[in-house]
Amino acid sequence: MKDIFLRVSELESNIGTMHSDLGDLKLKIKELLEENQRLRIENQQLRKILKRETDPGSNGELAEEPAALRKEKPPSVPGIGEGYDNLARLYHEGFHICNVYYGHLRMEGDCLFCLSFLSK
């Protein structure tokens, strides 16, 4: 009888350890997915820049991208400055700019915290 109780207790301990390990793996997967998305966006932007610079018809000037590929940029507010523009660009590239999730990838549409920050 003691043997069965010890085996069940050991099994319970192992399940607890596996649950903890599973939680750690989920966090790591989330981090990797965010990094992967960030790198995809960066790669896409670098490809656009490379294409503009190597296009012989552009004479070294940046050609305007087609409207279908271009993400709408927020209107620039005079006097706010470059910092605001950079934060707005980051938000439109899919990253949080709010103090709650700053730098994390936005997975589910717009963030009310970020939007309220941009509207200030």
PDB file of N, CA and C in Angstrom:
ATOM      1  N   MET A   1       0.812  -1.173   0.000  1.00  0.00           N
ATOM      2  CA  MET A   1       0.000   0.000   0.000  1.00  0.00           C
ATOM      3  C   MET A   1       0.874   1.263   0.000  1.00  0.00           C
ATOM      4  N   LYS A   2       1.967   1.264   0.801  1.00  0.00           N
ATOM      5  CA  LYS A   2       2.857   2.412   0.824  1.00  0.00           C
ATOM      6  C   LYS A   2       3.492   2.625  -0.547  1.00  0.00           C
ATOM      7  N   ASP A   3       3.790   1.531  -1.230  1.00  0.00           N
ATOM      8  CA  ASP A   3       4.416   1.612  -2.546  1.00  0.00           C
ATOM      9  C   ASP A   3       3.505   2.350  -3.531  1.00  0.00           C
ATOM     10  N   ILE A   4       2.228   2.069  -3.513  1.00  0.00           N
ATOM     11  CA  ILE A   4       1.279   2.728  -4.411  1.00  0.00           C
ATOM     12  C   ILE A   4       1.192   4.213  -4.064  1.00  0.00           C
ATOM     13  N   PHE A   5       1.110   4.508  -2.764  1.00  0.00           N
ATOM     14  CA  PHE A   5       1.035   5.914  -2.341  1.00  0.00           C
ATOM     15  C   PHE A   5       2.287   6.670  -2.768  1.00  0.00           C
ATOM     16  N   LEU A   6       3.461   6.097  -2.630  1.00  0.00           N
ATOM     17  CA  LEU A   6       4.712   6.740  -3.022  1.00  0.00           C
ATOM     18  C   LEU A   6       4.760   6.979  -4.540  1.00  0.00           C
ATOM     19  N   ARG A   7       4.284   6.003  -5.297  1.00  0.00           N
ATOM     20  CA  ARG A   7       4.277   6.137  -6.759  1.00  0.00           C
ATOM     21  C   ARG A   7       3.316   7.251  -7.201  1.00  0.00           C
ATOM     22  N   VAL A   8       2.153   7.318  -6.561  1.00  0.00           N
ATOM     23  CA  VAL A   8       1.192   8.382  -6.896  1.00  0.00           C
ATOM     24  C   VAL A   8       1.771   9.740  -6.506  1.00  0.00           C
ATOM     25  N   SER A   9       2.405   9.831  -5.372  1.00  0.00           N
ATOM     26  CA  SER A   9       3.022  11.076  -4.935  1.00  0.00           C
ATOM     27  C   SER A   9       4.132  11.499  -5.891  1.00  0.00           C
ATOM     28  N   GLU A  10       4.929  10.542  -6.324  1.00  0.00           N
ATOM     29  CA  GLU A  10       6.005  10.822  -7.280  1.00  0.00           C
ATOM     30  C   GLU A  10       5.431  11.277  -8.617  1.00  0.00           C
ATOM     31  N   LEU A  11       4.374  10.632  -9.050  1.00  0.00           N
ATOM     32  CA  LEU A  11       3.712  11.008 -10.296  1.00  0.00           C
ATOM     33  C   LEU A  11       3.153  12.428 -10.209  1.00  0.00           C
ATOM     34  N   GLU A  12       2.559  12.767  -9.076  1.00  0.00           N
ATOM     35  CA  GLU A  12       2.022  14.108  -8.865  1.00  0.00           C
ATOM     36  C   GLU A  12       3.138  15.148  -8.943  1.00  0.00           C
ATOM     37  N   SER A  13       4.260  14.856  -8.358  1.00  0.00           N
ATOM     38  CA  SER A  13       5.405  15.761  -8.388  1.00  0.00           C
ATOM     39  C   SER A  13       5.902  15.941  -9.828  1.00  0.00           C
ATOM     40  N   ASN A  14       5.962  14.835 -10.567  1.00  0.00           N
ATOM     41  CA  ASN A  14       6.413  14.900 -11.965  1.00  0.00           C
ATOM     42  C   ASN A  14       5.450  15.726 -12.819  1.00  0.00           C
ATOM     43  N   ILE A  15       4.161  15.587 -12.577  1.00  0.00           N
ATOM     44  CA  ILE A  15       3.173  16.359 -13.329  1.00  0.00           C
ATOM     45  C   ILE A  15       3.335  17.845 -13.036  1.00  0.00           C
ATOM     46  N   GLY A  16       3.582  18.195 -11.787  1.00  0.00           N
ATOM     47  CA  GLY A  16       3.805  19.596 -11.421  1.00  0.00           C
ATOM     48  C   GLY A  16       5.019  20.168 -12.133  1.00  0.00           C
ATOM     49  N   THR A  17       6.089  19.388 -12.198  1.00  0.00           N
ATOM     50  CA  THR A  17       7.304  19.819 -12.883  1.00  0.00           C
ATOM     51  C   THR A  17       7.040  19.998 -14.370  1.00  0.00           C
ATOM     52  N   MET A  18       6.317  19.041 -14.968  1.00  0.00           N
ATOM     53  CA  MET A  18       6.012  19.133 -16.393  1.00  0.00           C
ATOM     54  C   MET A  18       5.125  20.345 -16.680  1.00  0.00           C
ATOM     55  N   HIS A  19       4.184  20.653 -15.792  1.00  0.00           N
ATOM     56  CA  HIS A  19       3.323  21.818 -15.969  1.00  0.00           C
ATOM     57  C   HIS A  19       4.142  23.100 -15.951  1.00  0.00           C
ATOM     58  N   SER A  20       5.084  23.183 -15.044  1.00  0.00           N
ATOM     59  CA  SER A  20       5.967  24.343 -14.960  1.00  0.00           C
ATOM     60  C   SER A  20       6.819  24.462 -16.225  1.00  0.00           C
ATOM     61  N   ASP A  21       7.368  23.334 -16.678  1.00  0.00           N
ATOM     62  CA  ASP A  21       8.173  23.329 -17.896  1.00  0.00           C
ATOM     63  C   ASP A  21       7.343  23.744 -19.104  1.00  0.00           C
ATOM     64  N   LEU A  22       6.110  23.304 -19.166  1.00  0.00           N
ATOM     65  CA  LEU A  22       5.225  23.660 -20.272  1.00  0.00           C
ATOM     66  C   LEU A  22       4.960  25.161 -20.285  1.00  0.00           C
ATOM     67  N   GLY A  23       4.760  25.750 -19.124  1.00  0.00           N
ATOM     68  CA  GLY A  23       4.568  27.202 -19.026  1.00  0.00           C
ATOM     69  C   GLY A  23       5.791  27.957 -19.524  1.00  0.00           C
ATOM     70  N   ASP A  24       6.981  27.483 -19.146  1.00  0.00           N
ATOM     71  CA  ASP A  24       8.222  28.106 -19.608  1.00  0.00           C
ATOM     72  C   ASP A  24       8.351  28.004 -21.123  1.00  0.00           C
ATOM     73  N   LEU A  25       8.006  26.854 -21.674  1.00  0.00           N
ATOM     74  CA  LEU A  25       8.073  26.669 -23.121  1.00  0.00           C
ATOM     75  C   LEU A  25       7.101  27.592 -23.851  1.00  0.00           C
ATOM     76  N   LYS A  26       5.913  27.776 -23.298  1.00  0.00           N
ATOM     77  CA  LYS A  26       4.940  28.672 -23.915  1.00  0.00           C
ATOM     78  C   LYS A  26       5.472  30.101 -23.964  1.00  0.00           C
ATOM     79  N   LEU A  27       6.112  30.548 -22.885  1.00  0.00           N
ATOM     80  CA  LEU A  27       6.683  31.898 -22.872  1.00  0.00           C
ATOM     81  C   LEU A  27       7.793  32.041 -23.906  1.00  0.00           C
ATOM     82  N   LYS A  28       8.622  31.010 -24.011  1.00  0.00           N
ATOM     83  CA  LYS A  28       9.718  31.043 -24.985  1.00  0.00           C
ATOM     84  C   LYS A  28       9.168  31.067 -26.412  1.00  0.00           C
ATOM     85  N   ILE A  29       8.123  30.289 -26.664  1.00  0.00           N
ATOM     86  CA  ILE A  29       7.509  30.269 -27.996  1.00  0.00           C
ATOM     87  C   ILE A  29       6.948  31.645 -28.329  1.00  0.00           C
ATOM     88  N   LYS A  30       6.307  32.296 -27.362  1.00  0.00           N
ATOM     89  CA  LYS A  30       5.757  33.632 -27.581  1.00  0.00           C
ATOM     90  C   LYS A  30       6.874  34.613 -27.931  1.00  0.00           C
ATOM     91  N   GLU A  31       7.974  34.562 -27.187  1.00  0.00           N
ATOM     92  CA  GLU A  31       9.108  35.446 -27.469  1.00  0.00           C
ATOM     93  C   GLU A  31       9.657  35.202 -28.868  1.00  0.00           C
ATOM     94  N   LEU A  32       9.782  33.928 -29.245  1.00  0.00           N
ATOM     95  CA  LEU A  32      10.303  33.599 -30.571  1.00  0.00           C
ATOM     96  C   LEU A  32       9.365  34.053 -31.683  1.00  0.00           C
ATOM     97  N   LEU A  33       8.051  33.918 -31.469  1.00  0.00           N
ATOM     98  CA  LEU A  33       7.088  34.381 -32.468  1.00  0.00           C
ATOM     99  C   LEU A  33       7.157  35.895 -32.635  1.00  0.00           C
ATOM    100  N   GLU A  34       7.291  36.626 -31.524  1.00  0.00           N
ATOM    101  CA  GLU A  34       7.405  38.080 -31.597  1.00  0.00           C
ATOM    102  C   GLU A  34       8.682  38.486 -32.328  1.00  0.00           C
ATOM    103  N   GLU A  35       9.789  37.826 -32.003  1.00  0.00           N
ATOM    104  CA  GLU A  35      11.051  38.139 -32.667  1.00  0.00           C
ATOM    105  C   GLU A  35      10.976  37.808 -34.150  1.00  0.00           C
ATOM    106  N   ASN A  36      10.354  36.677 -34.481  1.00  0.00           N
ATOM    107  CA  ASN A  36      10.206  36.277 -35.874  1.00  0.00           C
ATOM    108  C   ASN A  36       9.401  37.313 -36.654  1.00  0.00           C
ATOM    109  N   GLN A  37       8.307  37.784 -36.078  1.00  0.00           N
ATOM    110  CA  GLN A  37       7.489  38.795 -36.749  1.00  0.00           C
ATOM    111  C   GLN A  37       8.256  40.097 -36.915  1.00  0.00           C
ATOM    112  N   ARG A  38       8.980  40.489 -35.882  1.00  0.00           N
ATOM    113  CA  ARG A  38       9.776  41.719 -35.962  1.00  0.00           C
ATOM    114  C   ARG A  38      10.825  41.605 -37.062  1.00  0.00           C
ATOM    115  N   LEU A  39      11.477  40.443 -37.148  1.00  0.00           N
ATOM    116  CA  LEU A  39      12.494  40.237 -38.176  1.00  0.00           C
ATOM    117  C   LEU A  39      11.886  40.186 -39.575  1.00  0.00           C
ATOM    118  N   ARG A  40      10.686  39.633 -39.699  1.00  0.00           N
ATOM    119  CA  ARG A  40      10.002  39.619 -41.006  1.00  0.00           C
ATOM    120  C   ARG A  40       9.714  41.041 -41.474  1.00  0.00           C
ATOM    121  N   ILE A  41       9.198  41.865 -40.550  1.00  0.00           N
ATOM    122  CA  ILE A  41       8.897  43.252 -40.898  1.00  0.00           C
ATOM    123  C   ILE A  41      10.171  43.984 -41.282  1.00  0.00           C
ATOM    124  N   GLU A  42      11.220  43.799 -40.492  1.00  0.00           N
ATOM    125  CA  GLU A  42      12.497  44.443 -40.778  1.00  0.00           C
ATOM    126  C   GLU A  42      13.041  43.981 -42.125  1.00  0.00           C
ATOM    127  N   ASN A  43      12.968  42.697 -42.400  1.00  0.00           N
ATOM    128  CA  ASN A  43      13.440  42.145 -43.662  1.00  0.00           C
ATOM    129  C   ASN A  43      12.656  42.734 -44.834  1.00  0.00           C
ATOM    130  N   GLN A  44      11.345  42.830 -44.676  1.00  0.00           N
ATOM    131  CA  GLN A  44      10.497  43.387 -45.722  1.00  0.00           C
ATOM    132  C   GLN A  44      10.878  44.845 -46.001  1.00  0.00           C
ATOM    133  N   GLN A  45      11.118  45.614 -44.940  1.00  0.00           N
ATOM    134  CA  GLN A  45      11.496  47.011 -45.116  1.00  0.00           C
ATOM    135  C   GLN A  45      12.865  47.135 -45.779  1.00  0.00           C
ATOM    136  N   LEU A  46      13.801  46.278 -45.382  1.00  0.00           N
ATOM    137  CA  LEU A  46      15.135  46.322 -45.986  1.00  0.00           C
ATOM    138  C   LEU A  46      15.091  45.936 -47.459  1.00  0.00           C
ATOM    139  N   ARG A  47      14.223  44.983 -47.809  1.00  0.00           N
ATOM    140  CA  ARG A  47      14.070  44.605 -49.221  1.00  0.00           C
ATOM    141  C   ARG A  47      13.523  45.778 -50.042  1.00  0.00           C
ATOM    142  N   LYS A  48      12.569  46.533 -49.463  1.00  0.00           N
ATOM    143  CA  LYS A  48      12.022  47.693 -50.165  1.00  0.00           C
ATOM    144  C   LYS A  48      13.107  48.738 -50.384  1.00  0.00           C
ATOM    145  N   ILE A  49      13.907  48.987 -49.342  1.00  0.00           N
ATOM    146  CA  ILE A  49      14.981  49.974 -49.459  1.00  0.00           C
ATOM    147  C   ILE A  49      16.001  49.529 -50.491  1.00  0.00           C
ATOM    148  N   LEU A  50      16.379  48.255 -50.453  1.00  0.00           N
ATOM    149  CA  LEU A  50      17.344  47.731 -51.415  1.00  0.00           C
ATOM    150  C   LEU A  50      16.805  47.838 -52.835  1.00  0.00           C
ATOM    151  N   LYS A  51      15.535  47.538 -53.011  1.00  0.00           N
ATOM    152  CA  LYS A  51      14.929  47.619 -54.339  1.00  0.00           C
ATOM    153  C   LYS A  51      14.933  49.053 -54.840  1.00  0.00           C
ATOM    154  N   ARG A  52      14.624  50.006 -53.964  1.00  0.00           N
ATOM    155  CA  ARG A  52      14.636  51.420 -54.356  1.00  0.00           C
ATOM    156  C   ARG A  52      16.033  51.878 -54.750  1.00  0.00           C
ATOM    157  N   GLU A  53      17.028  51.454 -53.966  1.00  0.00           N
ATOM    158  CA  GLU A  53      18.391  51.911 -54.216  1.00  0.00           C
ATOM    159  C   GLU A  53      19.013  51.263 -55.441  1.00  0.00           C
ATOM    160  N   THR A  54      18.612  50.044 -55.759  1.00  0.00           N
ATOM    161  CA  THR A  54      19.208  49.350 -56.897  1.00  0.00           C
ATOM    162  C   THR A  54      18.397  49.497 -58.174  1.00  0.00           C
ATOM    163  N   ASP A  55      17.242  50.128 -58.108  1.00  0.00           N
ATOM    164  CA  ASP A  55      16.411  50.331 -59.290  1.00  0.00           C
ATOM    165  C   ASP A  55      17.072  51.394 -60.162  1.00  0.00           C
ATOM    166  N   PRO A  56      17.492  51.023 -61.408  1.00  0.00           N
ATOM    167  CA  PRO A  56      18.211  51.984 -62.249  1.00  0.00           C
ATOM    168  C   PRO A  56      17.343  53.161 -62.698  1.00  0.00           C
ATOM    169  N   GLY A  57      16.048  53.025 -62.712  1.00  0.00           N
ATOM    170  CA  GLY A  57      15.171  54.101 -63.152  1.00  0.00           C
ATOM    171  C   GLY A  57      14.908  55.146 -62.097  1.00  0.00           C
ATOM    172  N   SER A  58      15.329  54.901 -60.890  1.00  0.00           N
ATOM    173  CA  SER A  58      15.006  55.830 -59.807  1.00  0.00           C
ATOM    174  C   SER A  58      16.037  56.935 -59.635  1.00  0.00           C
ATOM    175  N   ASN A  59      17.214  56.835 -60.281  1.00  0.00           N
ATOM    176  CA  ASN A  59      18.291  57.833 -60.178  1.00  0.00           C
ATOM    177  C   ASN A  59      18.712  58.096 -58.738  1.00  0.00           C
ATOM    178  N   GLY A  60      18.653  57.065 -57.901  1.00  0.00           N
ATOM    179  CA  GLY A  60      19.089  57.190 -56.517  1.00  0.00           C
ATOM    180  C   GLY A  60      18.076  57.836 -55.603  1.00  0.00           C
ATOM    181  N   GLU A  61      16.968  58.303 -56.162  1.00  0.00           N
ATOM    182  CA  GLU A  61      15.939  58.913 -55.336  1.00  0.00           C
ATOM    183  C   GLU A  61      14.966  57.846 -54.887  1.00  0.00           C
ATOM    184  N   LEU A  62      14.349  58.087 -53.769  1.00  0.00           N
ATOM    185  CA  LEU A  62      13.381  57.134 -53.249  1.00  0.00           C
ATOM    186  C   LEU A  62      12.067  57.288 -54.004  1.00  0.00           C
ATOM    187  N   ALA A  63      11.661  56.207 -54.644  1.00  0.00           N
ATOM    188  CA  ALA A  63      10.383  56.224 -55.348  1.00  0.00           C
ATOM    189  C   ALA A  63       9.263  55.975 -54.356  1.00  0.00           C
ATOM    190  N   GLU A  64       8.114  56.582 -54.628  1.00  0.00           N
ATOM    191  CA  GLU A  64       6.983  56.363 -53.739  1.00  0.00           C
ATOM    192  C   GLU A  64       6.428  54.979 -53.978  1.00  0.00           C
ATOM    193  N   GLU A  65       6.139  54.255 -52.909  1.00  0.00           N
ATOM    194  CA  GLU A  65       5.622  52.906 -53.043  1.00  0.00           C
ATOM    195  C   GLU A  65       4.151  52.940 -53.416  1.00  0.00           C
ATOM    196  N   PRO A  66       3.672  51.912 -54.095  1.00  0.00           N
ATOM    197  CA  PRO A  66       2.256  51.869 -54.460  1.00  0.00           C
ATOM    198  C   PRO A  66       1.366  51.912 -53.222  1.00  0.00           C
ATOM    199  N   ALA A  67       0.188  52.482 -53.380  1.00  0.00           N
ATOM    200  CA  ALA A  67      -0.727  52.647 -52.243  1.00  0.00           C
ATOM    201  C   ALA A  67      -1.107  51.316 -51.634  1.00  0.00           C
ATOM    202  N   ALA A  68      -1.154  50.243 -52.426  1.00  0.00           N
ATOM    203  CA  ALA A  68      -1.537  48.931 -51.899  1.00  0.00           C
ATOM    204  C   ALA A  68      -0.489  48.398 -50.924  1.00  0.00           C
ATOM    205  N   LEU A  69       0.785  48.755 -51.129  1.00  0.00           N
ATOM    206  CA  LEU A  69       1.856  48.259 -50.255  1.00  0.00           C
ATOM    207  C   LEU A  69       2.130  49.204 -49.091  1.00  0.00           C
ATOM    208  N   ARG A  70       1.725  50.444 -49.237  1.00  0.00           N
ATOM    209  CA  ARG A  70       2.052  51.464 -48.248  1.00  0.00           C
ATOM    210  C   ARG A  70       1.052  51.431 -47.100  1.00  0.00           C
ATOM    211  N   LYS A  71       1.561  51.464 -45.887  1.00  0.00           N
ATOM    212  CA  LYS A  71       0.697  51.592 -44.715  1.00  0.00           C
ATOM    213  C   LYS A  71       0.474  53.068 -44.491  1.00  0.00           C
ATOM    214  N   GLU A  72      -0.743  53.420 -44.150  1.00  0.00           N
ATOM    215  CA  GLU A  72      -1.052  54.822 -43.904  1.00  0.00           C
ATOM    216  C   GLU A  72      -0.267  55.309 -42.696  1.00  0.00           C
ATOM    217  N   LYS A  73       0.364  56.446 -42.854  1.00  0.00           N
ATOM    218  CA  LYS A  73       1.112  57.027 -41.760  1.00  0.00           C
ATOM    219  C   LYS A  73       0.229  58.056 -41.075  1.00  0.00           C
ATOM    220  N   PRO A  74       0.398  58.217 -39.782  1.00  0.00           N
ATOM    221  CA  PRO A  74      -0.437  59.188 -39.073  1.00  0.00           C
ATOM    222  C   PRO A  74      -0.095  60.595 -39.518  1.00  0.00           C
ATOM    223  N   PRO A  75      -1.060  61.487 -39.486  1.00  0.00           N
ATOM    224  CA  PRO A  75      -0.764  62.868 -39.863  1.00  0.00           C
ATOM    225  C   PRO A  75       0.239  63.467 -38.897  1.00  0.00           C
ATOM    226  N   SER A  76       1.169  64.207 -39.440  1.00  0.00           N
ATOM    227  CA  SER A  76       2.191  64.833 -38.609  1.00  0.00           C
ATOM    228  C   SER A  76       1.619  66.100 -37.988  1.00  0.00           C
ATOM    229  N   VAL A  77       1.761  66.218 -36.688  1.00  0.00           N
ATOM    230  CA  VAL A  77       1.252  67.379 -35.979  1.00  0.00           C
ATOM    231  C   VAL A  77       2.407  68.346 -35.794  1.00  0.00           C
ATOM    232  N   PRO A  78       2.277  69.582 -36.296  1.00  0.00           N
ATOM    233  CA  PRO A  78       3.369  70.538 -36.167  1.00  0.00           C
ATOM    234  C   PRO A  78       3.692  70.811 -34.701  1.00  0.00           C
ATOM    235  N   GLY A  79       4.982  70.866 -34.401  1.00  0.00           N
ATOM    236  CA  GLY A  79       5.404  71.200 -33.055  1.00  0.00           C
ATOM    237  C   GLY A  79       5.557  70.002 -32.138  1.00  0.00           C
ATOM    238  N   ILE A  80       5.054  68.841 -32.515  1.00  0.00           N
ATOM    239  CA  ILE A  80       5.151  67.668 -31.640  1.00  0.00           C
ATOM    240  C   ILE A  80       6.548  67.074 -31.728  1.00  0.00           C
ATOM    241  N   GLY A  81       7.091  66.965 -32.933  1.00  0.00           N
ATOM    242  CA  GLY A  81       8.466  66.548 -33.058  1.00  0.00           C
ATOM    243  C   GLY A  81       8.659  65.163 -33.608  1.00  0.00           C
ATOM    244  N   GLU A  82       9.922  64.862 -33.762  1.00  0.00           N
ATOM    245  CA  GLU A  82      10.332  63.615 -34.373  1.00  0.00           C
ATOM    246  C   GLU A  82      10.030  62.406 -33.501  1.00  0.00           C
ATOM    247  N   GLY A  83      10.083  62.564 -32.188  1.00  0.00           N
ATOM    248  CA  GLY A  83       9.811  61.457 -31.273  1.00  0.00           C
ATOM    249  C   GLY A  83       8.407  60.910 -31.450  1.00  0.00           C
ATOM    250  N   TYR A  84       7.447  61.813 -31.580  1.00  0.00           N
ATOM    251  CA  TYR A  84       6.060  61.396 -31.804  1.00  0.00           C
ATOM    252  C   TYR A  84       5.945  60.625 -33.114  1.00  0.00           C
ATOM    253  N   ASP A  85       6.594  61.136 -34.163  1.00  0.00           N
ATOM    254  CA  ASP A  85       6.544  60.474 -35.464  1.00  0.00           C
ATOM    255  C   ASP A  85       7.142  59.072 -35.390  1.00  0.00           C
ATOM    256  N   ASN A  86       8.235  58.933 -34.650  1.00  0.00           N
ATOM    257  CA  ASN A  86       8.861  57.615 -34.515  1.00  0.00           C
ATOM    258  C   ASN A  86       7.954  56.636 -33.774  1.00  0.00           C
ATOM    259  N   LEU A  87       7.314  57.106 -32.714  1.00  0.00           N
ATOM    260  CA  LEU A  87       6.392  56.239 -31.974  1.00  0.00           C
ATOM    261  C   LEU A  87       5.190  55.862 -32.834  1.00  0.00           C
ATOM    262  N   ALA A  88       4.661  56.803 -33.581  1.00  0.00           N
ATOM    263  CA  ALA A  88       3.530  56.520 -34.457  1.00  0.00           C
ATOM    264  C   ALA A  88       3.930  55.516 -35.532  1.00  0.00           C
ATOM    265  N   ARG A  89       5.142  55.647 -36.064  1.00  0.00           N
ATOM    266  CA  ARG A  89       5.631  54.698 -37.074  1.00  0.00           C
ATOM    267  C   ARG A  89       5.750  53.295 -36.477  1.00  0.00           C
ATOM    268  N   LEU A  90       6.301  53.201 -35.270  1.00  0.00           N
ATOM    269  CA  LEU A  90       6.412  51.905 -34.600  1.00  0.00           C
ATOM    270  C   LEU A  90       5.046  51.265 -34.397  1.00  0.00           C
ATOM    271  N   TYR A  91       4.078  52.086 -33.980  1.00  0.00           N
ATOM    272  CA  TYR A  91       2.728  51.557 -33.756  1.00  0.00           C
ATOM    273  C   TYR A  91       2.138  51.028 -35.060  1.00  0.00           C
ATOM    274  N   HIS A  92       2.321  51.777 -36.148  1.00  0.00           N
ATOM    275  CA  HIS A  92       1.754  51.354 -37.426  1.00  0.00           C
ATOM    276  C   HIS A  92       2.508  50.177 -38.032  1.00  0.00           C
ATOM    277  N   GLU A  93       3.711  49.905 -37.539  1.00  0.00           N
ATOM    278  CA  GLU A  93       4.444  48.719 -37.974  1.00  0.00           C
ATOM    279  C   GLU A  93       4.026  47.490 -37.189  1.00  0.00           C
ATOM    280  N   GLY A  94       3.175  47.678 -36.169  1.00  0.00           N
ATOM    281  CA  GLY A  94       2.629  46.531 -35.452  1.00  0.00           C
ATOM    282  C   GLY A  94       3.159  46.325 -34.046  1.00  0.00           C
ATOM    283  N   PHE A  95       3.801  47.334 -33.470  1.00  0.00           N
ATOM    284  CA  PHE A  95       4.356  47.197 -32.136  1.00  0.00           C
ATOM    285  C   PHE A  95       3.620  48.093 -31.145  1.00  0.00           C
ATOM    286  N   HIS A  96       3.599  47.665 -29.891  1.00  0.00           N
ATOM    287  CA  HIS A  96       3.005  48.479 -28.830  1.00  0.00           C
ATOM    288  C   HIS A  96       3.939  49.636 -28.502  1.00  0.00           C
ATOM    289  N   ILE A  97       3.349  50.790 -28.203  1.00  0.00           N
ATOM    290  CA  ILE A  97       4.123  51.948 -27.756  1.00  0.00           C
ATOM    291  C   ILE A  97       3.652  52.419 -26.385  1.00  0.00           C
ATOM    292  N   CYS A  98       2.675  51.717 -25.820  1.00  0.00           N
ATOM    293  CA  CYS A  98       2.164  52.079 -24.503  1.00  0.00           C
ATOM    294  C   CYS A  98       3.103  51.561 -23.414  1.00  0.00           C
ATOM    295  N   ASN A  99       2.951  52.115 -22.223  1.00  0.00           N
ATOM    296  CA  ASN A  99       3.823  51.707 -21.126  1.00  0.00           C
ATOM    297  C   ASN A  99       3.506  50.309 -20.617  1.00  0.00           C
ATOM    298  N   VAL A 100       2.365  49.743 -20.998  1.00  0.00           N
ATOM    299  CA  VAL A 100       1.978  48.419 -20.519  1.00  0.00           C
ATOM    300  C   VAL A 100       2.706  47.315 -21.292  1.00  0.00           C
ATOM    301  N   TYR A 101       2.755  47.433 -22.622  1.00  0.00           N
ATOM    302  CA  TYR A 101       3.334  46.374 -23.466  1.00  0.00           C
ATOM    303  C   TYR A 101       4.416  46.905 -24.398  1.00  0.00           C
ATOM    304  N   TYR A 102       5.082  47.979 -24.050  1.00  0.00           N
ATOM    305  CA  TYR A 102       6.006  48.648 -24.959  1.00  0.00           C
ATOM    306  C   TYR A 102       6.970  47.666 -25.636  1.00  0.00           C
ATOM    307  N   GLY A 103       7.036  47.754 -26.969  1.00  0.00           N
ATOM    308  CA  GLY A 103       7.968  46.955 -27.746  1.00  0.00           C
ATOM    309  C   GLY A 103       7.462  45.585 -28.135  1.00  0.00           C
ATOM    310  N   HIS A 104       6.371  45.142 -27.537  1.00  0.00           N
ATOM    311  CA  HIS A 104       5.819  43.835 -27.890  1.00  0.00           C
ATOM    312  C   HIS A 104       4.996  43.954 -29.163  1.00  0.00           C
ATOM    313  N   LEU A 105       4.935  42.869 -29.885  1.00  0.00           N
ATOM    314  CA  LEU A 105       4.171  42.822 -31.118  1.00  0.00           C
ATOM    315  C   LEU A 105       2.680  42.856 -30.802  1.00  0.00           C
ATOM    316  N   ARG A 106       1.921  43.680 -31.542  1.00  0.00           N
ATOM    317  CA  ARG A 106       0.465  43.713 -31.367  1.00  0.00           C
ATOM    318  C   ARG A 106      -0.119  42.546 -32.143  1.00  0.00           C
ATOM    319  N   MET A 107      -0.744  41.609 -31.439  1.00  0.00           N
ATOM    320  CA  MET A 107      -1.270  40.404 -32.069  1.00  0.00           C
ATOM    321  C   MET A 107      -2.750  40.523 -32.407  1.00  0.00           C
ATOM    322  N   GLU A 108      -3.486  41.376 -31.694  1.00  0.00           N
ATOM    323  CA  GLU A 108      -4.936  41.412 -31.845  1.00  0.00           C
ATOM    324  C   GLU A 108      -5.436  42.812 -32.172  1.00  0.00           C
ATOM    325  N   GLY A 109      -5.023  43.374 -33.272  1.00  0.00           N
ATOM    326  CA  GLY A 109      -5.551  44.667 -33.691  1.00  0.00           C
ATOM    327  C   GLY A 109      -5.025  45.825 -32.874  1.00  0.00           C
ATOM    328  N   ASP A 110      -5.868  46.856 -32.752  1.00  0.00           N
ATOM    329  CA  ASP A 110      -5.450  48.083 -32.082  1.00  0.00           C
ATOM    330  C   ASP A 110      -5.444  47.923 -30.565  1.00  0.00           C
ATOM    331  N   CYS A 111      -4.555  48.686 -29.930  1.00  0.00           N
ATOM    332  CA  CYS A 111      -4.445  48.704 -28.468  1.00  0.00           C
ATOM    333  C   CYS A 111      -4.969  50.049 -27.978  1.00  0.00           C
ATOM    334  N   LEU A 112      -5.932  50.013 -27.081  1.00  0.00           N
ATOM    335  CA  LEU A 112      -6.526  51.252 -26.578  1.00  0.00           C
ATOM    336  C   LEU A 112      -5.517  52.106 -25.821  1.00  0.00           C
ATOM    337  N   PHE A 113      -4.574  51.467 -25.110  1.00  0.00           N
ATOM    338  CA  PHE A 113      -3.545  52.214 -24.389  1.00  0.00           C
ATOM    339  C   PHE A 113      -2.667  52.985 -25.375  1.00  0.00           C
ATOM    340  N   CYS A 114      -2.257  52.298 -26.445  1.00  0.00           N
ATOM    341  CA  CYS A 114      -1.407  52.943 -27.461  1.00  0.00           C
ATOM    342  C   CYS A 114      -2.160  54.076 -28.150  1.00  0.00           C
ATOM    343  N   LEU A 115      -3.414  53.818 -28.504  1.00  0.00           N
ATOM    344  CA  LEU A 115      -4.195  54.841 -29.197  1.00  0.00           C
ATOM    345  C   LEU A 115      -4.413  56.073 -28.323  1.00  0.00           C
ATOM    346  N   SER A 116      -4.654  55.854 -27.031  1.00  0.00           N
ATOM    347  CA  SER A 116      -4.831  57.005 -26.147  1.00  0.00           C
ATOM    348  C   SER A 116      -3.523  57.777 -25.999  1.00  0.00           C
ATOM    349  N   PHE A 117      -2.401  57.059 -26.021  1.00  0.00           N
ATOM    350  CA  PHE A 117      -1.093  57.705 -25.959  1.00  0.00           C
ATOM    351  C   PHE A 117      -0.864  58.559 -27.210  1.00  0.00           C
ATOM    352  N   LEU A 118      -1.230  58.019 -28.382  1.00  0.00           N
ATOM    353  CA  LEU A 118      -1.030  58.758 -29.631  1.00  0.00           C
ATOM    354  C   LEU A 118      -1.947  59.975 -29.735  1.00  0.00           C
ATOM    355  N   SER A 119      -3.103  59.908 -29.112  1.00  0.00           N
ATOM    356  CA  SER A 119      -4.053  61.015 -29.215  1.00  0.00           C
ATOM    357  C   SER A 119      -3.709  62.177 -28.298  1.00  0.00           C
ATOM    358  N   LYS A 120      -2.763  61.993 -27.382  1.00  0.00           N
ATOM    359  CA  LYS A 120      -2.384  63.066 -26.450  1.00  0.00           C
ATOM    360  C   LYS A 120      -1.585  64.131 -27.169  1.00  0.00           C
TER     361      LYS A 120
END
